[in-house]
Amino acid sequence: YDEKLDGPAWIYLQSLRNQISRIS
């Protein structure tokens, strides 16, 4: 992804994370 994304990857990672995983 480093070669394919503009902007830091964490922005996209946070956008992809299921909410249930963070409260479980």
PDBML (XML) file of the C-alpha atoms, coordinates in Angstrom:
<?xml version="1.0" encoding="UTF-8" ?>
<PDBx:datablock datablockName="MODEL"
   xmlns:PDBx="http://pdbml.pdb.org/schema/pdbx-v50.xsd"
   xmlns:xsi="http://www.w3.org/2001/XMLSchema-instance"
   xsi:schemaLocation="http://pdbml.pdb.org/schema/pdbx-v50.xsd pdbx-v50.xsd">
   <PDBx:atom_siteCategory>
      <PDBx:atom_site id="1">
         <PDBx:B_iso_or_equiv>0.00</PDBx:B_iso_or_equiv>
         <PDBx:Cartn_x>0.000</PDBx:Cartn_x>
         <PDBx:Cartn_y>0.000</PDBx:Cartn_y>
         <PDBx:Cartn_z>0.000</PDBx:Cartn_z>
         <PDBx:auth_asym_id>A</PDBx:auth_asym_id>
         <PDBx:auth_atom_id>CA</PDBx:auth_atom_id>
         <PDBx:auth_comp_id>TYR</PDBx:auth_comp_id>
         <PDBx:auth_seq_id>1</PDBx:auth_seq_id>
         <PDBx:group_PDB>ATOM</PDBx:group_PDB>
         <PDBx:label_alt_id xsi:nil="true" />
         <PDBx:label_asym_id>A</PDBx:label_asym_id>
         <PDBx:label_atom_id>CA</PDBx:label_atom_id>
         <PDBx:label_comp_id>TYR</PDBx:label_comp_id>
         <PDBx:label_entity_id>1</PDBx:label_entity_id>
         <PDBx:label_seq_id>1</PDBx:label_seq_id>
         <PDBx:occupancy>1.00</PDBx:occupancy>
         <PDBx:pdbx_PDB_model_num>1</PDBx:pdbx_PDB_model_num>
         <PDBx:type_symbol>C</PDBx:type_symbol>
      </PDBx:atom_site>
      <PDBx:atom_site id="2">
         <PDBx:B_iso_or_equiv>0.00</PDBx:B_iso_or_equiv>
         <PDBx:Cartn_x>2.872</PDBx:Cartn_x>
         <PDBx:Cartn_y>2.432</PDBx:Cartn_y>
         <PDBx:Cartn_z>0.580</PDBx:Cartn_z>
         <PDBx:auth_asym_id>A</PDBx:auth_asym_id>
         <PDBx:auth_atom_id>CA</PDBx:auth_atom_id>
         <PDBx:auth_comp_id>ASP</PDBx:auth_comp_id>
         <PDBx:auth_seq_id>2</PDBx:auth_seq_id>
         <PDBx:group_PDB>ATOM</PDBx:group_PDB>
         <PDBx:label_alt_id xsi:nil="true" />
         <PDBx:label_asym_id>A</PDBx:label_asym_id>
         <PDBx:label_atom_id>CA</PDBx:label_atom_id>
         <PDBx:label_comp_id>ASP</PDBx:label_comp_id>
         <PDBx:label_entity_id>1</PDBx:label_entity_id>
         <PDBx:label_seq_id>2</PDBx:label_seq_id>
         <PDBx:occupancy>1.00</PDBx:occupancy>
         <PDBx:pdbx_PDB_model_num>1</PDBx:pdbx_PDB_model_num>
         <PDBx:type_symbol>C</PDBx:type_symbol>
      </PDBx:atom_site>
      <PDBx:atom_site id="3">
         <PDBx:B_iso_or_equiv>0.00</PDBx:B_iso_or_equiv>
         <PDBx:Cartn_x>3.444</PDBx:Cartn_x>
         <PDBx:Cartn_y>2.694</PDBx:Cartn_y>
         <PDBx:Cartn_z>-3.149</PDBx:Cartn_z>
         <PDBx:auth_asym_id>A</PDBx:auth_asym_id>
         <PDBx:auth_atom_id>CA</PDBx:auth_atom_id>
         <PDBx:auth_comp_id>GLU</PDBx:auth_comp_id>
         <PDBx:auth_seq_id>3</PDBx:auth_seq_id>
         <PDBx:group_PDB>ATOM</PDBx:group_PDB>
         <PDBx:label_alt_id xsi:nil="true" />
         <PDBx:label_asym_id>A</PDBx:label_asym_id>
         <PDBx:label_atom_id>CA</PDBx:label_atom_id>
         <PDBx:label_comp_id>GLU</PDBx:label_comp_id>
         <PDBx:label_entity_id>1</PDBx:label_entity_id>
         <PDBx:label_seq_id>3</PDBx:label_seq_id>
         <PDBx:occupancy>1.00</PDBx:occupancy>
         <PDBx:pdbx_PDB_model_num>1</PDBx:pdbx_PDB_model_num>
         <PDBx:type_symbol>C</PDBx:type_symbol>
      </PDBx:atom_site>
      <PDBx:atom_site id="4">
         <PDBx:B_iso_or_equiv>0.00</PDBx:B_iso_or_equiv>
         <PDBx:Cartn_x>-0.219</PDBx:Cartn_x>
         <PDBx:Cartn_y>2.971</PDBx:Cartn_y>
         <PDBx:Cartn_z>-4.047</PDBx:Cartn_z>
         <PDBx:auth_asym_id>A</PDBx:auth_asym_id>
         <PDBx:auth_atom_id>CA</PDBx:auth_atom_id>
         <PDBx:auth_comp_id>LYS</PDBx:auth_comp_id>
         <PDBx:auth_seq_id>4</PDBx:auth_seq_id>
         <PDBx:group_PDB>ATOM</PDBx:group_PDB>
         <PDBx:label_alt_id xsi:nil="true" />
         <PDBx:label_asym_id>A</PDBx:label_asym_id>
         <PDBx:label_atom_id>CA</PDBx:label_atom_id>
         <PDBx:label_comp_id>LYS</PDBx:label_comp_id>
         <PDBx:label_entity_id>1</PDBx:label_entity_id>
         <PDBx:label_seq_id>4</PDBx:label_seq_id>
         <PDBx:occupancy>1.00</PDBx:occupancy>
         <PDBx:pdbx_PDB_model_num>1</PDBx:pdbx_PDB_model_num>
         <PDBx:type_symbol>C</PDBx:type_symbol>
      </PDBx:atom_site>
      <PDBx:atom_site id="5">
         <PDBx:B_iso_or_equiv>0.00</PDBx:B_iso_or_equiv>
         <PDBx:Cartn_x>-1.734</PDBx:Cartn_x>
         <PDBx:Cartn_y>5.379</PDBx:Cartn_y>
         <PDBx:Cartn_z>-1.512</PDBx:Cartn_z>
         <PDBx:auth_asym_id>A</PDBx:auth_asym_id>
         <PDBx:auth_atom_id>CA</PDBx:auth_atom_id>
         <PDBx:auth_comp_id>LEU</PDBx:auth_comp_id>
         <PDBx:auth_seq_id>5</PDBx:auth_seq_id>
         <PDBx:group_PDB>ATOM</PDBx:group_PDB>
         <PDBx:label_alt_id xsi:nil="true" />
         <PDBx:label_asym_id>A</PDBx:label_asym_id>
         <PDBx:label_atom_id>CA</PDBx:label_atom_id>
         <PDBx:label_comp_id>LEU</PDBx:label_comp_id>
         <PDBx:label_entity_id>1</PDBx:label_entity_id>
         <PDBx:label_seq_id>5</PDBx:label_seq_id>
         <PDBx:occupancy>1.00</PDBx:occupancy>
         <PDBx:pdbx_PDB_model_num>1</PDBx:pdbx_PDB_model_num>
         <PDBx:type_symbol>C</PDBx:type_symbol>
      </PDBx:atom_site>
      <PDBx:atom_site id="6">
         <PDBx:B_iso_or_equiv>0.00</PDBx:B_iso_or_equiv>
         <PDBx:Cartn_x>-1.566</PDBx:Cartn_x>
         <PDBx:Cartn_y>9.141</PDBx:Cartn_y>
         <PDBx:Cartn_z>-1.231</PDBx:Cartn_z>
         <PDBx:auth_asym_id>A</PDBx:auth_asym_id>
         <PDBx:auth_atom_id>CA</PDBx:auth_atom_id>
         <PDBx:auth_comp_id>ASP</PDBx:auth_comp_id>
         <PDBx:auth_seq_id>6</PDBx:auth_seq_id>
         <PDBx:group_PDB>ATOM</PDBx:group_PDB>
         <PDBx:label_alt_id xsi:nil="true" />
         <PDBx:label_asym_id>A</PDBx:label_asym_id>
         <PDBx:label_atom_id>CA</PDBx:label_atom_id>
         <PDBx:label_comp_id>ASP</PDBx:label_comp_id>
         <PDBx:label_entity_id>1</PDBx:label_entity_id>
         <PDBx:label_seq_id>6</PDBx:label_seq_id>
         <PDBx:occupancy>1.00</PDBx:occupancy>
         <PDBx:pdbx_PDB_model_num>1</PDBx:pdbx_PDB_model_num>
         <PDBx:type_symbol>C</PDBx:type_symbol>
      </PDBx:atom_site>
      <PDBx:atom_site id="7">
         <PDBx:B_iso_or_equiv>0.00</PDBx:B_iso_or_equiv>
         <PDBx:Cartn_x>-1.681</PDBx:Cartn_x>
         <PDBx:Cartn_y>10.097</PDBx:Cartn_y>
         <PDBx:Cartn_z>2.436</PDBx:Cartn_z>
         <PDBx:auth_asym_id>A</PDBx:auth_asym_id>
         <PDBx:auth_atom_id>CA</PDBx:auth_atom_id>
         <PDBx:auth_comp_id>GLY</PDBx:auth_comp_id>
         <PDBx:auth_seq_id>7</PDBx:auth_seq_id>
         <PDBx:group_PDB>ATOM</PDBx:group_PDB>
         <PDBx:label_alt_id xsi:nil="true" />
         <PDBx:label_asym_id>A</PDBx:label_asym_id>
         <PDBx:label_atom_id>CA</PDBx:label_atom_id>
         <PDBx:label_comp_id>GLY</PDBx:label_comp_id>
         <PDBx:label_entity_id>1</PDBx:label_entity_id>
         <PDBx:label_seq_id>7</PDBx:label_seq_id>
         <PDBx:occupancy>1.00</PDBx:occupancy>
         <PDBx:pdbx_PDB_model_num>1</PDBx:pdbx_PDB_model_num>
         <PDBx:type_symbol>C</PDBx:type_symbol>
      </PDBx:atom_site>
      <PDBx:atom_site id="8">
         <PDBx:B_iso_or_equiv>0.00</PDBx:B_iso_or_equiv>
         <PDBx:Cartn_x>-0.925</PDBx:Cartn_x>
         <PDBx:Cartn_y>8.038</PDBx:Cartn_y>
         <PDBx:Cartn_z>5.552</PDBx:Cartn_z>
         <PDBx:auth_asym_id>A</PDBx:auth_asym_id>
         <PDBx:auth_atom_id>CA</PDBx:auth_atom_id>
         <PDBx:auth_comp_id>PRO</PDBx:auth_comp_id>
         <PDBx:auth_seq_id>8</PDBx:auth_seq_id>
         <PDBx:group_PDB>ATOM</PDBx:group_PDB>
         <PDBx:label_alt_id xsi:nil="true" />
         <PDBx:label_asym_id>A</PDBx:label_asym_id>
         <PDBx:label_atom_id>CA</PDBx:label_atom_id>
         <PDBx:label_comp_id>PRO</PDBx:label_comp_id>
         <PDBx:label_entity_id>1</PDBx:label_entity_id>
         <PDBx:label_seq_id>8</PDBx:label_seq_id>
         <PDBx:occupancy>1.00</PDBx:occupancy>
         <PDBx:pdbx_PDB_model_num>1</PDBx:pdbx_PDB_model_num>
         <PDBx:type_symbol>C</PDBx:type_symbol>
      </PDBx:atom_site>
      <PDBx:atom_site id="9">
         <PDBx:B_iso_or_equiv>0.00</PDBx:B_iso_or_equiv>
         <PDBx:Cartn_x>-2.248</PDBx:Cartn_x>
         <PDBx:Cartn_y>4.498</PDBx:Cartn_y>
         <PDBx:Cartn_z>5.579</PDBx:Cartn_z>
         <PDBx:auth_asym_id>A</PDBx:auth_asym_id>
         <PDBx:auth_atom_id>CA</PDBx:auth_atom_id>
         <PDBx:auth_comp_id>ALA</PDBx:auth_comp_id>
         <PDBx:auth_seq_id>9</PDBx:auth_seq_id>
         <PDBx:group_PDB>ATOM</PDBx:group_PDB>
         <PDBx:label_alt_id xsi:nil="true" />
         <PDBx:label_asym_id>A</PDBx:label_asym_id>
         <PDBx:label_atom_id>CA</PDBx:label_atom_id>
         <PDBx:label_comp_id>ALA</PDBx:label_comp_id>
         <PDBx:label_entity_id>1</PDBx:label_entity_id>
         <PDBx:label_seq_id>9</PDBx:label_seq_id>
         <PDBx:occupancy>1.00</PDBx:occupancy>
         <PDBx:pdbx_PDB_model_num>1</PDBx:pdbx_PDB_model_num>
         <PDBx:type_symbol>C</PDBx:type_symbol>
      </PDBx:atom_site>
      <PDBx:atom_site id="10">
         <PDBx:B_iso_or_equiv>0.00</PDBx:B_iso_or_equiv>
         <PDBx:Cartn_x>-3.783</PDBx:Cartn_x>
         <PDBx:Cartn_y>4.839</PDBx:Cartn_y>
         <PDBx:Cartn_z>9.044</PDBx:Cartn_z>
         <PDBx:auth_asym_id>A</PDBx:auth_asym_id>
         <PDBx:auth_atom_id>CA</PDBx:auth_atom_id>
         <PDBx:auth_comp_id>TRP</PDBx:auth_comp_id>
         <PDBx:auth_seq_id>10</PDBx:auth_seq_id>
         <PDBx:group_PDB>ATOM</PDBx:group_PDB>
         <PDBx:label_alt_id xsi:nil="true" />
         <PDBx:label_asym_id>A</PDBx:label_asym_id>
         <PDBx:label_atom_id>CA</PDBx:label_atom_id>
         <PDBx:label_comp_id>TRP</PDBx:label_comp_id>
         <PDBx:label_entity_id>1</PDBx:label_entity_id>
         <PDBx:label_seq_id>10</PDBx:label_seq_id>
         <PDBx:occupancy>1.00</PDBx:occupancy>
         <PDBx:pdbx_PDB_model_num>1</PDBx:pdbx_PDB_model_num>
         <PDBx:type_symbol>C</PDBx:type_symbol>
      </PDBx:atom_site>
      <PDBx:atom_site id="11">
         <PDBx:B_iso_or_equiv>0.00</PDBx:B_iso_or_equiv>
         <PDBx:Cartn_x>-6.502</PDBx:Cartn_x>
         <PDBx:Cartn_y>7.057</PDBx:Cartn_y>
         <PDBx:Cartn_z>7.593</PDBx:Cartn_z>
         <PDBx:auth_asym_id>A</PDBx:auth_asym_id>
         <PDBx:auth_atom_id>CA</PDBx:auth_atom_id>
         <PDBx:auth_comp_id>ILE</PDBx:auth_comp_id>
         <PDBx:auth_seq_id>11</PDBx:auth_seq_id>
         <PDBx:group_PDB>ATOM</PDBx:group_PDB>
         <PDBx:label_alt_id xsi:nil="true" />
         <PDBx:label_asym_id>A</PDBx:label_asym_id>
         <PDBx:label_atom_id>CA</PDBx:label_atom_id>
         <PDBx:label_comp_id>ILE</PDBx:label_comp_id>
         <PDBx:label_entity_id>1</PDBx:label_entity_id>
         <PDBx:label_seq_id>11</PDBx:label_seq_id>
         <PDBx:occupancy>1.00</PDBx:occupancy>
         <PDBx:pdbx_PDB_model_num>1</PDBx:pdbx_PDB_model_num>
         <PDBx:type_symbol>C</PDBx:type_symbol>
      </PDBx:atom_site>
      <PDBx:atom_site id="12">
         <PDBx:B_iso_or_equiv>0.00</PDBx:B_iso_or_equiv>
         <PDBx:Cartn_x>-7.632</PDBx:Cartn_x>
         <PDBx:Cartn_y>4.249</PDBx:Cartn_y>
         <PDBx:Cartn_z>5.347</PDBx:Cartn_z>
         <PDBx:auth_asym_id>A</PDBx:auth_asym_id>
         <PDBx:auth_atom_id>CA</PDBx:auth_atom_id>
         <PDBx:auth_comp_id>TYR</PDBx:auth_comp_id>
         <PDBx:auth_seq_id>12</PDBx:auth_seq_id>
         <PDBx:group_PDB>ATOM</PDBx:group_PDB>
         <PDBx:label_alt_id xsi:nil="true" />
         <PDBx:label_asym_id>A</PDBx:label_asym_id>
         <PDBx:label_atom_id>CA</PDBx:label_atom_id>
         <PDBx:label_comp_id>TYR</PDBx:label_comp_id>
         <PDBx:label_entity_id>1</PDBx:label_entity_id>
         <PDBx:label_seq_id>12</PDBx:label_seq_id>
         <PDBx:occupancy>1.00</PDBx:occupancy>
         <PDBx:pdbx_PDB_model_num>1</PDBx:pdbx_PDB_model_num>
         <PDBx:type_symbol>C</PDBx:type_symbol>
      </PDBx:atom_site>
      <PDBx:atom_site id="13">
         <PDBx:B_iso_or_equiv>0.00</PDBx:B_iso_or_equiv>
         <PDBx:Cartn_x>-7.070</PDBx:Cartn_x>
         <PDBx:Cartn_y>1.565</PDBx:Cartn_y>
         <PDBx:Cartn_z>7.970</PDBx:Cartn_z>
         <PDBx:auth_asym_id>A</PDBx:auth_asym_id>
         <PDBx:auth_atom_id>CA</PDBx:auth_atom_id>
         <PDBx:auth_comp_id>LEU</PDBx:auth_comp_id>
         <PDBx:auth_seq_id>13</PDBx:auth_seq_id>
         <PDBx:group_PDB>ATOM</PDBx:group_PDB>
         <PDBx:label_alt_id xsi:nil="true" />
         <PDBx:label_asym_id>A</PDBx:label_asym_id>
         <PDBx:label_atom_id>CA</PDBx:label_atom_id>
         <PDBx:label_comp_id>LEU</PDBx:label_comp_id>
         <PDBx:label_entity_id>1</PDBx:label_entity_id>
         <PDBx:label_seq_id>13</PDBx:label_seq_id>
         <PDBx:occupancy>1.00</PDBx:occupancy>
         <PDBx:pdbx_PDB_model_num>1</PDBx:pdbx_PDB_model_num>
         <PDBx:type_symbol>C</PDBx:type_symbol>
      </PDBx:atom_site>
      <PDBx:atom_site id="14">
         <PDBx:B_iso_or_equiv>0.00</PDBx:B_iso_or_equiv>
         <PDBx:Cartn_x>-9.325</PDBx:Cartn_x>
         <PDBx:Cartn_y>3.354</PDBx:Cartn_y>
         <PDBx:Cartn_z>10.446</PDBx:Cartn_z>
         <PDBx:auth_asym_id>A</PDBx:auth_asym_id>
         <PDBx:auth_atom_id>CA</PDBx:auth_atom_id>
         <PDBx:auth_comp_id>GLN</PDBx:auth_comp_id>
         <PDBx:auth_seq_id>14</PDBx:auth_seq_id>
         <PDBx:group_PDB>ATOM</PDBx:group_PDB>
         <PDBx:label_alt_id xsi:nil="true" />
         <PDBx:label_asym_id>A</PDBx:label_asym_id>
         <PDBx:label_atom_id>CA</PDBx:label_atom_id>
         <PDBx:label_comp_id>GLN</PDBx:label_comp_id>
         <PDBx:label_entity_id>1</PDBx:label_entity_id>
         <PDBx:label_seq_id>14</PDBx:label_seq_id>
         <PDBx:occupancy>1.00</PDBx:occupancy>
         <PDBx:pdbx_PDB_model_num>1</PDBx:pdbx_PDB_model_num>
         <PDBx:type_symbol>C</PDBx:type_symbol>
      </PDBx:atom_site>
      <PDBx:atom_site id="15">
         <PDBx:B_iso_or_equiv>0.00</PDBx:B_iso_or_equiv>
         <PDBx:Cartn_x>-11.933</PDBx:Cartn_x>
         <PDBx:Cartn_y>3.689</PDBx:Cartn_y>
         <PDBx:Cartn_z>7.737</PDBx:Cartn_z>
         <PDBx:auth_asym_id>A</PDBx:auth_asym_id>
         <PDBx:auth_atom_id>CA</PDBx:auth_atom_id>
         <PDBx:auth_comp_id>SER</PDBx:auth_comp_id>
         <PDBx:auth_seq_id>15</PDBx:auth_seq_id>
         <PDBx:group_PDB>ATOM</PDBx:group_PDB>
         <PDBx:label_alt_id xsi:nil="true" />
         <PDBx:label_asym_id>A</PDBx:label_asym_id>
         <PDBx:label_atom_id>CA</PDBx:label_atom_id>
         <PDBx:label_comp_id>SER</PDBx:label_comp_id>
         <PDBx:label_entity_id>1</PDBx:label_entity_id>
         <PDBx:label_seq_id>15</PDBx:label_seq_id>
         <PDBx:occupancy>1.00</PDBx:occupancy>
         <PDBx:pdbx_PDB_model_num>1</PDBx:pdbx_PDB_model_num>
         <PDBx:type_symbol>C</PDBx:type_symbol>
      </PDBx:atom_site>
      <PDBx:atom_site id="16">
         <PDBx:B_iso_or_equiv>0.00</PDBx:B_iso_or_equiv>
         <PDBx:Cartn_x>-11.898</PDBx:Cartn_x>
         <PDBx:Cartn_y>-0.074</PDBx:Cartn_y>
         <PDBx:Cartn_z>7.188</PDBx:Cartn_z>
         <PDBx:auth_asym_id>A</PDBx:auth_asym_id>
         <PDBx:auth_atom_id>CA</PDBx:auth_atom_id>
         <PDBx:auth_comp_id>LEU</PDBx:auth_comp_id>
         <PDBx:auth_seq_id>16</PDBx:auth_seq_id>
         <PDBx:group_PDB>ATOM</PDBx:group_PDB>
         <PDBx:label_alt_id xsi:nil="true" />
         <PDBx:label_asym_id>A</PDBx:label_asym_id>
         <PDBx:label_atom_id>CA</PDBx:label_atom_id>
         <PDBx:label_comp_id>LEU</PDBx:label_comp_id>
         <PDBx:label_entity_id>1</PDBx:label_entity_id>
         <PDBx:label_seq_id>16</PDBx:label_seq_id>
         <PDBx:occupancy>1.00</PDBx:occupancy>
         <PDBx:pdbx_PDB_model_num>1</PDBx:pdbx_PDB_model_num>
         <PDBx:type_symbol>C</PDBx:type_symbol>
      </PDBx:atom_site>
      <PDBx:atom_site id="17">
         <PDBx:B_iso_or_equiv>0.00</PDBx:B_iso_or_equiv>
         <PDBx:Cartn_x>-12.023</PDBx:Cartn_x>
         <PDBx:Cartn_y>-1.269</PDBx:Cartn_y>
         <PDBx:Cartn_z>10.782</PDBx:Cartn_z>
         <PDBx:auth_asym_id>A</PDBx:auth_asym_id>
         <PDBx:auth_atom_id>CA</PDBx:auth_atom_id>
         <PDBx:auth_comp_id>ARG</PDBx:auth_comp_id>
         <PDBx:auth_seq_id>17</PDBx:auth_seq_id>
         <PDBx:group_PDB>ATOM</PDBx:group_PDB>
         <PDBx:label_alt_id xsi:nil="true" />
         <PDBx:label_asym_id>A</PDBx:label_asym_id>
         <PDBx:label_atom_id>CA</PDBx:label_atom_id>
         <PDBx:label_comp_id>ARG</PDBx:label_comp_id>
         <PDBx:label_entity_id>1</PDBx:label_entity_id>
         <PDBx:label_seq_id>17</PDBx:label_seq_id>
         <PDBx:occupancy>1.00</PDBx:occupancy>
         <PDBx:pdbx_PDB_model_num>1</PDBx:pdbx_PDB_model_num>
         <PDBx:type_symbol>C</PDBx:type_symbol>
      </PDBx:atom_site>
      <PDBx:atom_site id="18">
         <PDBx:B_iso_or_equiv>0.00</PDBx:B_iso_or_equiv>
         <PDBx:Cartn_x>-15.199</PDBx:Cartn_x>
         <PDBx:Cartn_y>-2.970</PDBx:Cartn_y>
         <PDBx:Cartn_z>11.953</PDBx:Cartn_z>
         <PDBx:auth_asym_id>A</PDBx:auth_asym_id>
         <PDBx:auth_atom_id>CA</PDBx:auth_atom_id>
         <PDBx:auth_comp_id>ASN</PDBx:auth_comp_id>
         <PDBx:auth_seq_id>18</PDBx:auth_seq_id>
         <PDBx:group_PDB>ATOM</PDBx:group_PDB>
         <PDBx:label_alt_id xsi:nil="true" />
         <PDBx:label_asym_id>A</PDBx:label_asym_id>
         <PDBx:label_atom_id>CA</PDBx:label_atom_id>
         <PDBx:label_comp_id>ASN</PDBx:label_comp_id>
         <PDBx:label_entity_id>1</PDBx:label_entity_id>
         <PDBx:label_seq_id>18</PDBx:label_seq_id>
         <PDBx:occupancy>1.00</PDBx:occupancy>
         <PDBx:pdbx_PDB_model_num>1</PDBx:pdbx_PDB_model_num>
         <PDBx:type_symbol>C</PDBx:type_symbol>
      </PDBx:atom_site>
      <PDBx:atom_site id="19">
         <PDBx:B_iso_or_equiv>0.00</PDBx:B_iso_or_equiv>
         <PDBx:Cartn_x>-16.475</PDBx:Cartn_x>
         <PDBx:Cartn_y>-1.245</PDBx:Cartn_y>
         <PDBx:Cartn_z>15.061</PDBx:Cartn_z>
         <PDBx:auth_asym_id>A</PDBx:auth_asym_id>
         <PDBx:auth_atom_id>CA</PDBx:auth_atom_id>
         <PDBx:auth_comp_id>GLN</PDBx:auth_comp_id>
         <PDBx:auth_seq_id>19</PDBx:auth_seq_id>
         <PDBx:group_PDB>ATOM</PDBx:group_PDB>
         <PDBx:label_alt_id xsi:nil="true" />
         <PDBx:label_asym_id>A</PDBx:label_asym_id>
         <PDBx:label_atom_id>CA</PDBx:label_atom_id>
         <PDBx:label_comp_id>GLN</PDBx:label_comp_id>
         <PDBx:label_entity_id>1</PDBx:label_entity_id>
         <PDBx:label_seq_id>19</PDBx:label_seq_id>
         <PDBx:occupancy>1.00</PDBx:occupancy>
         <PDBx:pdbx_PDB_model_num>1</PDBx:pdbx_PDB_model_num>
         <PDBx:type_symbol>C</PDBx:type_symbol>
      </PDBx:atom_site>
      <PDBx:atom_site id="20">
         <PDBx:B_iso_or_equiv>0.00</PDBx:B_iso_or_equiv>
         <PDBx:Cartn_x>-17.373</PDBx:Cartn_x>
         <PDBx:Cartn_y>-4.486</PDBx:Cartn_y>
         <PDBx:Cartn_z>16.798</PDBx:Cartn_z>
         <PDBx:auth_asym_id>A</PDBx:auth_asym_id>
         <PDBx:auth_atom_id>CA</PDBx:auth_atom_id>
         <PDBx:auth_comp_id>ILE</PDBx:auth_comp_id>
         <PDBx:auth_seq_id>20</PDBx:auth_seq_id>
         <PDBx:group_PDB>ATOM</PDBx:group_PDB>
         <PDBx:label_alt_id xsi:nil="true" />
         <PDBx:label_asym_id>A</PDBx:label_asym_id>
         <PDBx:label_atom_id>CA</PDBx:label_atom_id>
         <PDBx:label_comp_id>ILE</PDBx:label_comp_id>
         <PDBx:label_entity_id>1</PDBx:label_entity_id>
         <PDBx:label_seq_id>20</PDBx:label_seq_id>
         <PDBx:occupancy>1.00</PDBx:occupancy>
         <PDBx:pdbx_PDB_model_num>1</PDBx:pdbx_PDB_model_num>
         <PDBx:type_symbol>C</PDBx:type_symbol>
      </PDBx:atom_site>
      <PDBx:atom_site id="21">
         <PDBx:B_iso_or_equiv>0.00</PDBx:B_iso_or_equiv>
         <PDBx:Cartn_x>-13.715</PDBx:Cartn_x>
         <PDBx:Cartn_y>-5.523</PDBx:Cartn_y>
         <PDBx:Cartn_z>16.851</PDBx:Cartn_z>
         <PDBx:auth_asym_id>A</PDBx:auth_asym_id>
         <PDBx:auth_atom_id>CA</PDBx:auth_atom_id>
         <PDBx:auth_comp_id>SER</PDBx:auth_comp_id>
         <PDBx:auth_seq_id>21</PDBx:auth_seq_id>
         <PDBx:group_PDB>ATOM</PDBx:group_PDB>
         <PDBx:label_alt_id xsi:nil="true" />
         <PDBx:label_asym_id>A</PDBx:label_asym_id>
         <PDBx:label_atom_id>CA</PDBx:label_atom_id>
         <PDBx:label_comp_id>SER</PDBx:label_comp_id>
         <PDBx:label_entity_id>1</PDBx:label_entity_id>
         <PDBx:label_seq_id>21</PDBx:label_seq_id>
         <PDBx:occupancy>1.00</PDBx:occupancy>
         <PDBx:pdbx_PDB_model_num>1</PDBx:pdbx_PDB_model_num>
         <PDBx:type_symbol>C</PDBx:type_symbol>
      </PDBx:atom_site>
      <PDBx:atom_site id="22">
         <PDBx:B_iso_or_equiv>0.00</PDBx:B_iso_or_equiv>
         <PDBx:Cartn_x>-12.787</PDBx:Cartn_x>
         <PDBx:Cartn_y>-2.516</PDBx:Cartn_y>
         <PDBx:Cartn_z>18.992</PDBx:Cartn_z>
         <PDBx:auth_asym_id>A</PDBx:auth_asym_id>
         <PDBx:auth_atom_id>CA</PDBx:auth_atom_id>
         <PDBx:auth_comp_id>ARG</PDBx:auth_comp_id>
         <PDBx:auth_seq_id>22</PDBx:auth_seq_id>
         <PDBx:group_PDB>ATOM</PDBx:group_PDB>
         <PDBx:label_alt_id xsi:nil="true" />
         <PDBx:label_asym_id>A</PDBx:label_asym_id>
         <PDBx:label_atom_id>CA</PDBx:label_atom_id>
         <PDBx:label_comp_id>ARG</PDBx:label_comp_id>
         <PDBx:label_entity_id>1</PDBx:label_entity_id>
         <PDBx:label_seq_id>22</PDBx:label_seq_id>
         <PDBx:occupancy>1.00</PDBx:occupancy>
         <PDBx:pdbx_PDB_model_num>1</PDBx:pdbx_PDB_model_num>
         <PDBx:type_symbol>C</PDBx:type_symbol>
      </PDBx:atom_site>
      <PDBx:atom_site id="23">
         <PDBx:B_iso_or_equiv>0.00</PDBx:B_iso_or_equiv>
         <PDBx:Cartn_x>-15.395</PDBx:Cartn_x>
         <PDBx:Cartn_y>-3.149</PDBx:Cartn_y>
         <PDBx:Cartn_z>21.667</PDBx:Cartn_z>
         <PDBx:auth_asym_id>A</PDBx:auth_asym_id>
         <PDBx:auth_atom_id>CA</PDBx:auth_atom_id>
         <PDBx:auth_comp_id>ILE</PDBx:auth_comp_id>
         <PDBx:auth_seq_id>23</PDBx:auth_seq_id>
         <PDBx:group_PDB>ATOM</PDBx:group_PDB>
         <PDBx:label_alt_id xsi:nil="true" />
         <PDBx:label_asym_id>A</PDBx:label_asym_id>
         <PDBx:label_atom_id>CA</PDBx:label_atom_id>
         <PDBx:label_comp_id>ILE</PDBx:label_comp_id>
         <PDBx:label_entity_id>1</PDBx:label_entity_id>
         <PDBx:label_seq_id>23</PDBx:label_seq_id>
         <PDBx:occupancy>1.00</PDBx:occupancy>
         <PDBx:pdbx_PDB_model_num>1</PDBx:pdbx_PDB_model_num>
         <PDBx:type_symbol>C</PDBx:type_symbol>
      </PDBx:atom_site>
      <PDBx:atom_site id="24">
         <PDBx:B_iso_or_equiv>0.00</PDBx:B_iso_or_equiv>
         <PDBx:Cartn_x>-14.783</PDBx:Cartn_x>
         <PDBx:Cartn_y>-6.892</PDBx:Cartn_y>
         <PDBx:Cartn_z>21.856</PDBx:Cartn_z>
         <PDBx:auth_asym_id>A</PDBx:auth_asym_id>
         <PDBx:auth_atom_id>CA</PDBx:auth_atom_id>
         <PDBx:auth_comp_id>SER</PDBx:auth_comp_id>
         <PDBx:auth_seq_id>24</PDBx:auth_seq_id>
         <PDBx:group_PDB>ATOM</PDBx:group_PDB>
         <PDBx:label_alt_id xsi:nil="true" />
         <PDBx:label_asym_id>A</PDBx:label_asym_id>
         <PDBx:label_atom_id>CA</PDBx:label_atom_id>
         <PDBx:label_comp_id>SER</PDBx:label_comp_id>
         <PDBx:label_entity_id>1</PDBx:label_entity_id>
         <PDBx:label_seq_id>24</PDBx:label_seq_id>
         <PDBx:occupancy>1.00</PDBx:occupancy>
         <PDBx:pdbx_PDB_model_num>1</PDBx:pdbx_PDB_model_num>
         <PDBx:type_symbol>C</PDBx:type_symbol>
      </PDBx:atom_site>
   </PDBx:atom_siteCategory>
</PDBx:datablock>
